[in-house]
Amino acid sequence: MPQRLDDACIDEKLAQLSGWTRVGDNIEKNFKLKDFEEALKFVNQVGAAAQAMDHHPDIFLHDWNQVRITASTHSAKGITENDIELATQVNTFHC
């Protein structure tokens, strides 16, 4: 089972992840895409990456072109290296 990261480690890693913030025991980021079609493509990219990792974030498509990704490791009851790794991958899909 993945181990929950301590607060200092989370802060350090988030400082290296553009746009991601900590909200309680989650990390999240809102992405603004060009249009609805691009938002759907982005959601599918995130979904494929998450499935490959067997690590599944909450994905919320809203306002026709925005996607909020919220990641946490339920089994660890907090943020783990898996969440950071997924966030790092997601950032490569959208700049």
C-alpha atoms as a PDB file:
ATOM      1  CA  MET A   1       0.000   0.000   0.000  1.00  0.00           C
ATOM      2  CA  PRO A   2       1.320   3.497  -0.824  1.00  0.00           C
ATOM      3  CA  GLN A   3       2.467   5.532   2.159  1.00  0.00           C
ATOM      4  CA  ARG A   4       0.937   8.912   2.945  1.00  0.00           C
ATOM      5  CA  LEU A   5       3.417  11.771   2.469  1.00  0.00           C
ATOM      6  CA  ASP A   6       4.140  14.149   5.342  1.00  0.00           C
ATOM      7  CA  ASP A   7       3.204  17.826   5.076  1.00  0.00           C
ATOM      8  CA  ALA A   8       6.738  19.057   4.353  1.00  0.00           C
ATOM      9  CA  CYS A   9       7.175  16.544   1.537  1.00  0.00           C
ATOM     10  CA  ILE A  10       3.797  17.461   0.031  1.00  0.00           C
ATOM     11  CA  ASP A  11       4.659  21.171   0.130  1.00  0.00           C
ATOM     12  CA  GLU A  12       8.026  20.517  -1.510  1.00  0.00           C
ATOM     13  CA  LYS A  13       6.536  18.412  -4.292  1.00  0.00           C
ATOM     14  CA  LEU A  14       3.646  20.823  -4.942  1.00  0.00           C
ATOM     15  CA  ALA A  15       6.141  23.671  -5.314  1.00  0.00           C
ATOM     16  CA  GLN A  16       7.431  21.781  -8.362  1.00  0.00           C
ATOM     17  CA  LEU A  17       3.948  21.136  -9.843  1.00  0.00           C
ATOM     18  CA  SER A  18       2.619  24.148 -11.696  1.00  0.00           C
ATOM     19  CA  GLY A  19      -0.927  25.049 -10.690  1.00  0.00           C
ATOM     20  CA  TRP A  20      -1.618  22.210  -8.248  1.00  0.00           C
ATOM     21  CA  THR A  21      -2.800  23.078  -4.758  1.00  0.00           C
ATOM     22  CA  ARG A  22      -3.511  21.167  -1.629  1.00  0.00           C
ATOM     23  CA  VAL A  23      -7.107  21.068  -0.441  1.00  0.00           C
ATOM     24  CA  GLY A  24      -7.250  19.055   2.760  1.00  0.00           C
ATOM     25  CA  ASP A  25      -6.095  15.513   2.000  1.00  0.00           C
ATOM     26  CA  ASN A  26      -6.272  16.063  -1.788  1.00  0.00           C
ATOM     27  CA  ILE A  27      -4.331  17.836  -4.475  1.00  0.00           C
ATOM     28  CA  GLU A  28      -6.234  19.531  -7.266  1.00  0.00           C
ATOM     29  CA  LYS A  29      -5.938  21.695 -10.318  1.00  0.00           C
ATOM     30  CA  ASN A  30      -8.431  23.327 -12.649  1.00  0.00           C
ATOM     31  CA  PHE A  31      -7.609  23.267 -16.366  1.00  0.00           C
ATOM     32  CA  LYS A  32      -9.177  25.612 -18.912  1.00  0.00           C
ATOM     33  CA  LEU A  33      -9.296  24.130 -22.406  1.00  0.00           C
ATOM     34  CA  LYS A  34     -10.063  25.732 -25.775  1.00  0.00           C
ATOM     35  CA  ASP A  35     -13.548  24.249 -26.093  1.00  0.00           C
ATOM     36  CA  PHE A  36     -15.749  21.323 -25.087  1.00  0.00           C
ATOM     37  CA  GLU A  37     -14.131  18.940 -27.578  1.00  0.00           C
ATOM     38  CA  GLU A  38     -10.648  19.681 -26.221  1.00  0.00           C
ATOM     39  CA  ALA A  39     -11.926  19.257 -22.663  1.00  0.00           C
ATOM     40  CA  LEU A  40     -13.278  15.803 -23.548  1.00  0.00           C
ATOM     41  CA  LYS A  41      -9.976  14.814 -25.174  1.00  0.00           C
ATOM     42  CA  PHE A  42      -8.142  15.965 -22.065  1.00  0.00           C
ATOM     43  CA  VAL A  43     -10.465  13.974 -19.785  1.00  0.00           C
ATOM     44  CA  ASN A  44      -9.805  10.863 -21.876  1.00  0.00           C
ATOM     45  CA  GLN A  45      -6.024  11.394 -21.688  1.00  0.00           C
ATOM     46  CA  VAL A  46      -6.207  11.739 -17.918  1.00  0.00           C
ATOM     47  CA  GLY A  47      -8.455   8.688 -17.698  1.00  0.00           C
ATOM     48  CA  ALA A  48      -6.059   6.560 -19.750  1.00  0.00           C
ATOM     49  CA  ALA A  49      -3.063   7.619 -17.641  1.00  0.00           C
ATOM     50  CA  ALA A  50      -4.973   6.967 -14.426  1.00  0.00           C
ATOM     51  CA  GLN A  51      -6.102   3.544 -15.618  1.00  0.00           C
ATOM     52  CA  ALA A  52      -2.537   2.618 -16.581  1.00  0.00           C
ATOM     53  CA  MET A  53      -1.436   3.539 -13.045  1.00  0.00           C
ATOM     54  CA  ASP A  54      -4.486   1.874 -11.465  1.00  0.00           C
ATOM     55  CA  HIS A  55      -4.913   5.175  -9.637  1.00  0.00           C
ATOM     56  CA  HIS A  56      -8.177   6.996 -10.221  1.00  0.00           C
ATOM     57  CA  PRO A  57      -8.700  10.700  -9.510  1.00  0.00           C
ATOM     58  CA  ASP A  58     -11.976  12.575  -9.425  1.00  0.00           C
ATOM     59  CA  ILE A  59     -12.502  14.277 -12.794  1.00  0.00           C
ATOM     60  CA  PHE A  60     -15.043  17.063 -13.082  1.00  0.00           C
ATOM     61  CA  LEU A  61     -15.860  18.601 -16.485  1.00  0.00           C
ATOM     62  CA  HIS A  62     -17.650  21.910 -15.984  1.00  0.00           C
ATOM     63  CA  ASP A  63     -18.430  25.223 -17.663  1.00  0.00           C
ATOM     64  CA  TRP A  64     -18.122  23.532 -21.111  1.00  0.00           C
ATOM     65  CA  ASN A  65     -14.320  23.881 -21.305  1.00  0.00           C
ATOM     66  CA  GLN A  66     -12.918  23.402 -17.811  1.00  0.00           C
ATOM     67  CA  VAL A  67     -11.749  20.267 -16.049  1.00  0.00           C
ATOM     68  CA  ARG A  68     -10.890  19.952 -12.365  1.00  0.00           C
ATOM     69  CA  ILE A  69      -8.741  17.011 -11.330  1.00  0.00           C
ATOM     70  CA  THR A  70      -8.701  16.015  -7.655  1.00  0.00           C
ATOM     71  CA  ALA A  71      -6.298  13.304  -6.525  1.00  0.00           C
ATOM     72  CA  SER A  72      -5.892  11.461  -3.249  1.00  0.00           C
ATOM     73  CA  THR A  73      -5.046   7.913  -2.258  1.00  0.00           C
ATOM     74  CA  HIS A  74      -8.047   6.539  -0.425  1.00  0.00           C
ATOM     75  CA  SER A  75      -6.223   3.521   1.007  1.00  0.00           C
ATOM     76  CA  ALA A  76      -3.609   5.836   2.587  1.00  0.00           C
ATOM     77  CA  LYS A  77      -6.221   8.420   3.588  1.00  0.00           C
ATOM     78  CA  GLY A  78      -4.211  11.216   2.023  1.00  0.00           C
ATOM     79  CA  ILE A  79      -1.671  12.287  -0.550  1.00  0.00           C
ATOM     80  CA  THR A  80       0.943   9.792  -1.716  1.00  0.00           C
ATOM     81  CA  GLU A  81       3.651   9.631  -4.340  1.00  0.00           C
ATOM     82  CA  ASN A  82       1.022   8.130  -6.698  1.00  0.00           C
ATOM     83  CA  ASP A  83      -0.936  11.389  -6.596  1.00  0.00           C
ATOM     84  CA  ILE A  84       2.182  13.423  -7.322  1.00  0.00           C
ATOM     85  CA  GLU A  85       3.132  11.124 -10.199  1.00  0.00           C
ATOM     86  CA  LEU A  86      -0.336  11.363 -11.722  1.00  0.00           C
ATOM     87  CA  ALA A  87      -0.347  15.159 -11.364  1.00  0.00           C
ATOM     88  CA  THR A  88       3.049  15.325 -13.073  1.00  0.00           C
ATOM     89  CA  GLN A  89       1.727  13.279 -16.005  1.00  0.00           C
ATOM     90  CA  VAL A  90      -1.472  15.317 -16.248  1.00  0.00           C
ATOM     91  CA  ASN A  91       0.550  18.528 -16.495  1.00  0.00           C
ATOM     92  CA  THR A  92       2.247  17.174 -19.609  1.00  0.00           C
ATOM     93  CA  PHE A  93      -1.126  16.835 -21.349  1.00  0.00           C
ATOM     94  CA  HIS A  94      -1.977  20.522 -20.978  1.00  0.00           C
ATOM     95  CA  CYS A  95       0.322  23.524 -20.700  1.00  0.00           C
END
